[in-house]
């Protein structure tokens, strides 16, 4: 990542493009500031679309690694229909790390845009949902095109599963849960 943090603050926070290997630095920065119990992961997506399953896959892996506060898993996704309700389950004092899949430029596929600031779920498919997170990770799972719903449906499951594991593994390493 280069420097210590390099993140902006708030709604206009700078987004930094990282590879999977660089995610550990992002999570290490957070783990130096907050304890495991202070963190809540909001993993946004659905198990009904290959590309959009990144959030629930990541959430399920985070639980397996031992993270105590995870919203959005394969058995209980946090998606466009229930996001607002699920956000009410977050303890007010907790720091939220939001994770979601996104579409982007061909050169960004299999990369992550991280920020010390919220992400804006469902933008690529034209939905208006609340911004989420004190920190955020947007994983570029496929290219942005004229039919985003279709693109998410035909996204490689292998790529999405690998990216979900990279995120969960990096978080586990940074917080000392990698067994």
C-alpha atoms as a PDB file:
ATOM      1  CA  UNK A   1       0.000   0.000   0.000  1.00  0.00           C
ATOM      2  CA  UNK A   2       2.935   2.307   0.273  1.00  0.00           C
ATOM      3  CA  UNK A   3       2.371   4.702   3.156  1.00  0.00           C
ATOM      4  CA  UNK A   4       0.810   4.014   6.527  1.00  0.00           C
ATOM      5  CA  UNK A   5      -2.779   4.679   5.604  1.00  0.00           C
ATOM      6  CA  UNK A   6      -3.212   7.030   2.679  1.00  0.00           C
ATOM      7  CA  UNK A   7      -6.978   6.999   3.118  1.00  0.00           C
ATOM      8  CA  UNK A   8      -9.298   9.962   2.879  1.00  0.00           C
ATOM      9  CA  UNK A   9     -12.128  10.446   5.359  1.00  0.00           C
ATOM     10  CA  UNK A  10     -15.896  10.248   5.046  1.00  0.00           C
ATOM     11  CA  UNK A  11     -18.139  10.311   1.988  1.00  0.00           C
ATOM     12  CA  UNK A  12     -15.463  11.546  -0.415  1.00  0.00           C
ATOM     13  CA  UNK A  13     -12.814   9.129   0.819  1.00  0.00           C
ATOM     14  CA  UNK A  14     -10.073   8.218  -1.592  1.00  0.00           C
ATOM     15  CA  UNK A  15     -10.379   4.775  -3.120  1.00  0.00           C
ATOM     16  CA  UNK A  16      -7.138   2.845  -3.465  1.00  0.00           C
ATOM     17  CA  UNK A  17      -6.764  -0.080  -5.871  1.00  0.00           C
ATOM     18  CA  UNK A  18      -5.114  -3.103  -4.262  1.00  0.00           C
ATOM     19  CA  UNK A  19      -4.256  -6.656  -5.215  1.00  0.00           C
ATOM     20  CA  UNK A  20      -5.268  -9.564  -2.993  1.00  0.00           C
ATOM     21  CA  UNK A  21      -1.808  -9.686  -1.405  1.00  0.00           C
ATOM     22  CA  UNK A  22      -2.045  -5.998  -0.458  1.00  0.00           C
ATOM     23  CA  UNK A  23      -5.297  -6.465   1.471  1.00  0.00           C
ATOM     24  CA  UNK A  24      -3.383  -7.568   4.577  1.00  0.00           C
ATOM     25  CA  UNK A  25      -1.925  -4.050   4.851  1.00  0.00           C
ATOM     26  CA  UNK A  26      -5.418  -2.549   4.637  1.00  0.00           C
ATOM     27  CA  UNK A  27      -6.722  -4.802   7.411  1.00  0.00           C
ATOM     28  CA  UNK A  28      -3.549  -4.370   9.501  1.00  0.00           C
ATOM     29  CA  UNK A  29      -4.138  -0.631   9.554  1.00  0.00           C
ATOM     30  CA  UNK A  30      -7.627  -1.267  10.944  1.00  0.00           C
ATOM     31  CA  UNK A  31      -6.502  -3.926  13.445  1.00  0.00           C
ATOM     32  CA  UNK A  32      -3.953  -1.483  14.899  1.00  0.00           C
ATOM     33  CA  UNK A  33      -6.765   0.970  15.664  1.00  0.00           C
ATOM     34  CA  UNK A  34      -9.629  -1.319  16.721  1.00  0.00           C
ATOM     35  CA  UNK A  35     -10.079  -4.614  18.532  1.00  0.00           C
ATOM     36  CA  UNK A  36     -11.798  -7.603  17.000  1.00  0.00           C
ATOM     37  CA  UNK A  37     -14.889  -7.027  19.163  1.00  0.00           C
ATOM     38  CA  UNK A  38     -15.222  -3.442  17.898  1.00  0.00           C
ATOM     39  CA  UNK A  39     -15.461  -4.532  14.245  1.00  0.00           C
ATOM     40  CA  UNK A  40     -18.623  -5.527  12.386  1.00  0.00           C
ATOM     41  CA  UNK A  41     -18.362  -6.823   8.836  1.00  0.00           C
ATOM     42  CA  UNK A  42     -21.299  -6.073   6.545  1.00  0.00           C
ATOM     43  CA  UNK A  43     -20.946  -8.435   3.578  1.00  0.00           C
ATOM     44  CA  UNK A  44     -23.408  -7.296   0.933  1.00  0.00           C
ATOM     45  CA  UNK A  45     -24.793  -9.511  -1.817  1.00  0.00           C
ATOM     46  CA  UNK A  46     -26.982 -12.465  -2.617  1.00  0.00           C
ATOM     47  CA  UNK A  47     -26.492 -16.177  -3.122  1.00  0.00           C
ATOM     48  CA  UNK A  48     -28.785 -15.970  -6.176  1.00  0.00           C
ATOM     49  CA  UNK A  49     -26.221 -14.400  -8.522  1.00  0.00           C
ATOM     50  CA  UNK A  50     -22.711 -15.687  -9.113  1.00  0.00           C
ATOM     51  CA  UNK A  51     -21.056 -12.263  -9.235  1.00  0.00           C
ATOM     52  CA  UNK A  52     -23.052 -10.859  -6.360  1.00  0.00           C
ATOM     53  CA  UNK A  53     -22.302 -13.851  -4.115  1.00  0.00           C
ATOM     54  CA  UNK A  54     -18.925 -12.380  -3.116  1.00  0.00           C
ATOM     55  CA  UNK A  55     -20.385 -10.736  -0.001  1.00  0.00           C
ATOM     56  CA  UNK A  56     -22.142 -13.808   1.424  1.00  0.00           C
ATOM     57  CA  UNK A  57     -19.180 -16.054   0.533  1.00  0.00           C
ATOM     58  CA  UNK A  58     -16.811 -13.660   2.318  1.00  0.00           C
ATOM     59  CA  UNK A  59     -19.124 -13.395   5.325  1.00  0.00           C
ATOM     60  CA  UNK A  60     -19.327 -17.164   5.680  1.00  0.00           C
ATOM     61  CA  UNK A  61     -15.525 -17.471   5.514  1.00  0.00           C
ATOM     62  CA  UNK A  62     -15.084 -14.672   8.081  1.00  0.00           C
ATOM     63  CA  UNK A  63     -17.326 -16.599  10.491  1.00  0.00           C
ATOM     64  CA  UNK A  64     -15.282 -19.768   9.876  1.00  0.00           C
ATOM     65  CA  UNK A  65     -12.098 -17.852  10.745  1.00  0.00           C
ATOM     66  CA  UNK A  66     -13.715 -16.801  14.029  1.00  0.00           C
ATOM     67  CA  UNK A  67     -14.797 -13.191  13.506  1.00  0.00           C
ATOM     68  CA  UNK A  68     -17.590 -12.526  16.020  1.00  0.00           C
ATOM     69  CA  UNK A  69     -19.588  -9.789  14.236  1.00  0.00           C
ATOM     70  CA  UNK A  70     -20.505 -10.667  10.663  1.00  0.00           C
ATOM     71  CA  UNK A  71     -23.690  -9.679   8.849  1.00  0.00           C
ATOM     72  CA  UNK A  72     -24.270 -11.260   5.430  1.00  0.00           C
ATOM     73  CA  UNK A  73     -23.499 -14.952   4.939  1.00  0.00           C
ATOM     74  CA  UNK A  74     -24.602 -17.654   2.515  1.00  0.00           C
ATOM     75  CA  UNK A  75     -27.394 -18.904   4.837  1.00  0.00           C
ATOM     76  CA  UNK A  76     -28.437 -15.336   5.745  1.00  0.00           C
ATOM     77  CA  UNK A  77     -27.446 -12.851   3.005  1.00  0.00           C
ATOM     78  CA  UNK A  78     -27.492  -9.075   3.395  1.00  0.00           C
ATOM     79  CA  UNK A  79     -28.908  -7.885   0.083  1.00  0.00           C
ATOM     80  CA  UNK A  80     -30.820  -4.992  -1.460  1.00  0.00           C
ATOM     81  CA  UNK A  81     -34.095  -6.225   0.045  1.00  0.00           C
ATOM     82  CA  UNK A  82     -32.949  -6.389   3.679  1.00  0.00           C
ATOM     83  CA  UNK A  83     -29.887  -4.099   3.899  1.00  0.00           C
ATOM     84  CA  UNK A  84     -31.662  -1.309   5.786  1.00  0.00           C
ATOM     85  CA  UNK A  85     -33.089  -3.782   8.321  1.00  0.00           C
ATOM     86  CA  UNK A  86     -29.739  -5.566   8.754  1.00  0.00           C
ATOM     87  CA  UNK A  87     -27.959  -2.261   9.401  1.00  0.00           C
ATOM     88  CA  UNK A  88     -30.147  -1.840  12.481  1.00  0.00           C
ATOM     89  CA  UNK A  89     -28.423  -4.921  13.970  1.00  0.00           C
ATOM     90  CA  UNK A  90     -25.053  -3.144  14.114  1.00  0.00           C
ATOM     91  CA  UNK A  91     -24.070  -1.882  17.550  1.00  0.00           C
ATOM     92  CA  UNK A  92     -23.782   1.913  17.353  1.00  0.00           C
ATOM     93  CA  UNK A  93     -20.255   1.955  18.761  1.00  0.00           C
ATOM     94  CA  UNK A  94     -18.897  -0.636  16.310  1.00  0.00           C
ATOM     95  CA  UNK A  95     -16.698   0.124  13.341  1.00  0.00           C
ATOM     96  CA  UNK A  96     -18.203  -1.231  10.119  1.00  0.00           C
ATOM     97  CA  UNK A  97     -16.149  -2.768   7.331  1.00  0.00           C
ATOM     98  CA  UNK A  98     -18.419  -3.037   4.300  1.00  0.00           C
ATOM     99  CA  UNK A  99     -17.656  -5.576   1.571  1.00  0.00           C
ATOM    100  CA  UNK A 100     -19.409  -5.799  -1.785  1.00  0.00           C
ATOM    101  CA  UNK A 101     -18.803  -6.956  -5.337  1.00  0.00           C
ATOM    102  CA  UNK A 102     -18.694  -4.407  -8.121  1.00  0.00           C
ATOM    103  CA  UNK A 103     -18.168  -4.143 -11.842  1.00  0.00           C
ATOM    104  CA  UNK A 104     -15.323  -2.094 -13.304  1.00  0.00           C
ATOM    105  CA  UNK A 105     -12.744  -1.597 -16.022  1.00  0.00           C
ATOM    106  CA  UNK A 106     -11.184  -4.707 -17.607  1.00  0.00           C
ATOM    107  CA  UNK A 107      -7.812  -3.826 -16.051  1.00  0.00           C
ATOM    108  CA  UNK A 108      -9.387  -3.780 -12.574  1.00  0.00           C
ATOM    109  CA  UNK A 109     -11.044  -7.212 -12.607  1.00  0.00           C
ATOM    110  CA  UNK A 110      -9.695  -9.309  -9.701  1.00  0.00           C
ATOM    111  CA  UNK A 111      -8.660  -6.115  -7.851  1.00  0.00           C
ATOM    112  CA  UNK A 112     -10.051  -4.401  -4.782  1.00  0.00           C
ATOM    113  CA  UNK A 113     -10.896  -0.759  -4.215  1.00  0.00           C
ATOM    114  CA  UNK A 114     -10.505  -0.007  -0.531  1.00  0.00           C
ATOM    115  CA  UNK A 115     -11.368   3.149   1.341  1.00  0.00           C
ATOM    116  CA  UNK A 116     -11.575   4.687   4.764  1.00  0.00           C
ATOM    117  CA  UNK A 117     -15.145   5.581   4.021  1.00  0.00           C
ATOM    118  CA  UNK A 118     -18.396   3.972   2.933  1.00  0.00           C
ATOM    119  CA  UNK A 119     -19.276   2.080  -0.181  1.00  0.00           C
ATOM    120  CA  UNK A 120     -22.438   2.586  -2.164  1.00  0.00           C
ATOM    121  CA  UNK A 121     -24.122  -0.796  -2.739  1.00  0.00           C
ATOM    122  CA  UNK A 122     -25.903  -1.658  -5.995  1.00  0.00           C
ATOM    123  CA  UNK A 123     -24.661   1.399  -7.917  1.00  0.00           C
ATOM    124  CA  UNK A 124     -23.640  -0.718 -10.905  1.00  0.00           C
ATOM    125  CA  UNK A 125     -27.210  -1.970 -11.263  1.00  0.00           C
ATOM    126  CA  UNK A 126     -28.824   1.429 -10.705  1.00  0.00           C
ATOM    127  CA  UNK A 127     -30.236   0.898  -7.198  1.00  0.00           C
ATOM    128  CA  UNK A 128     -30.343   3.589  -4.518  1.00  0.00           C
ATOM    129  CA  UNK A 129     -29.324   2.118  -1.166  1.00  0.00           C
ATOM    130  CA  UNK A 130     -27.747   3.757   1.882  1.00  0.00           C
ATOM    131  CA  UNK A 131     -23.976   4.167   2.013  1.00  0.00           C
ATOM    132  CA  UNK A 132     -22.380   1.578   4.302  1.00  0.00           C
ATOM    133  CA  UNK A 133     -19.174   1.410   6.316  1.00  0.00           C
ATOM    134  CA  UNK A 134     -16.461   3.285   8.102  1.00  0.00           C
ATOM    135  CA  UNK A 135     -14.095   1.269   5.889  1.00  0.00           C
ATOM    136  CA  UNK A 136     -14.990  -0.473   2.653  1.00  0.00           C
ATOM    137  CA  UNK A 137     -13.831  -2.984   0.090  1.00  0.00           C
ATOM    138  CA  UNK A 138     -15.337  -3.115  -3.397  1.00  0.00           C
ATOM    139  CA  UNK A 139     -14.159  -6.247  -5.198  1.00  0.00           C
ATOM    140  CA  UNK A 140     -14.174  -5.940  -8.990  1.00  0.00           C
ATOM    141  CA  UNK A 141     -15.575  -9.282 -10.127  1.00  0.00           C
ATOM    142  CA  UNK A 142     -16.269  -8.459 -13.785  1.00  0.00           C
ATOM    143  CA  UNK A 143     -16.334  -5.660 -16.350  1.00  0.00           C
ATOM    144  CA  UNK A 144     -18.920  -2.885 -16.346  1.00  0.00           C
ATOM    145  CA  UNK A 145     -21.166  -3.162 -19.377  1.00  0.00           C
ATOM    146  CA  UNK A 146     -24.606  -2.273 -20.701  1.00  0.00           C
ATOM    147  CA  UNK A 147     -26.338  -5.188 -18.889  1.00  0.00           C
ATOM    148  CA  UNK A 148     -25.001  -5.289 -15.307  1.00  0.00           C
ATOM    149  CA  UNK A 149     -27.506  -7.865 -13.999  1.00  0.00           C
ATOM    150  CA  UNK A 150     -26.603 -10.242 -16.822  1.00  0.00           C
ATOM    151  CA  UNK A 151     -22.881  -9.600 -16.290  1.00  0.00           C
ATOM    152  CA  UNK A 152     -23.187 -10.509 -12.600  1.00  0.00           C
ATOM    153  CA  UNK A 153     -25.101 -13.693 -13.544  1.00  0.00           C
ATOM    154  CA  UNK A 154     -22.330 -14.918 -15.856  1.00  0.00           C
ATOM    155  CA  UNK A 155     -19.386 -13.955 -13.656  1.00  0.00           C
ATOM    156  CA  UNK A 156     -16.903 -16.722 -12.912  1.00  0.00           C
ATOM    157  CA  UNK A 157     -17.769 -18.505  -9.660  1.00  0.00           C
ATOM    158  CA  UNK A 158     -14.125 -19.559  -9.366  1.00  0.00           C
ATOM    159  CA  UNK A 159     -12.972 -15.926  -9.467  1.00  0.00           C
ATOM    160  CA  UNK A 160     -15.602 -14.835  -6.932  1.00  0.00           C
ATOM    161  CA  UNK A 161     -14.756 -17.666  -4.524  1.00  0.00           C
ATOM    162  CA  UNK A 162     -11.030 -16.898  -4.767  1.00  0.00           C
ATOM    163  CA  UNK A 163     -11.628 -13.198  -4.132  1.00  0.00           C
ATOM    164  CA  UNK A 164     -13.872 -13.952  -1.135  1.00  0.00           C
ATOM    165  CA  UNK A 165     -11.153 -16.181   0.315  1.00  0.00           C
ATOM    166  CA  UNK A 166      -8.478 -13.526  -0.295  1.00  0.00           C
ATOM    167  CA  UNK A 167     -10.503 -10.960   1.652  1.00  0.00           C
ATOM    168  CA  UNK A 168     -11.302 -13.303   4.549  1.00  0.00           C
ATOM    169  CA  UNK A 169      -7.747 -14.645   4.722  1.00  0.00           C
ATOM    170  CA  UNK A 170      -6.235 -11.142   4.728  1.00  0.00           C
ATOM    171  CA  UNK A 171      -8.585 -10.061   7.530  1.00  0.00           C
ATOM    172  CA  UNK A 172      -7.803 -13.194   9.537  1.00  0.00           C
ATOM    173  CA  UNK A 173      -4.047 -12.641   9.158  1.00  0.00           C
ATOM    174  CA  UNK A 174      -4.279  -8.994  10.200  1.00  0.00           C
ATOM    175  CA  UNK A 175      -6.422  -9.769  13.258  1.00  0.00           C
ATOM    176  CA  UNK A 176      -4.412 -12.824  14.301  1.00  0.00           C
ATOM    177  CA  UNK A 177      -7.080 -15.417  13.459  1.00  0.00           C
ATOM    178  CA  UNK A 178      -5.203 -17.269  10.725  1.00  0.00           C
ATOM    179  CA  UNK A 179      -4.884 -20.825  11.991  1.00  0.00           C
END
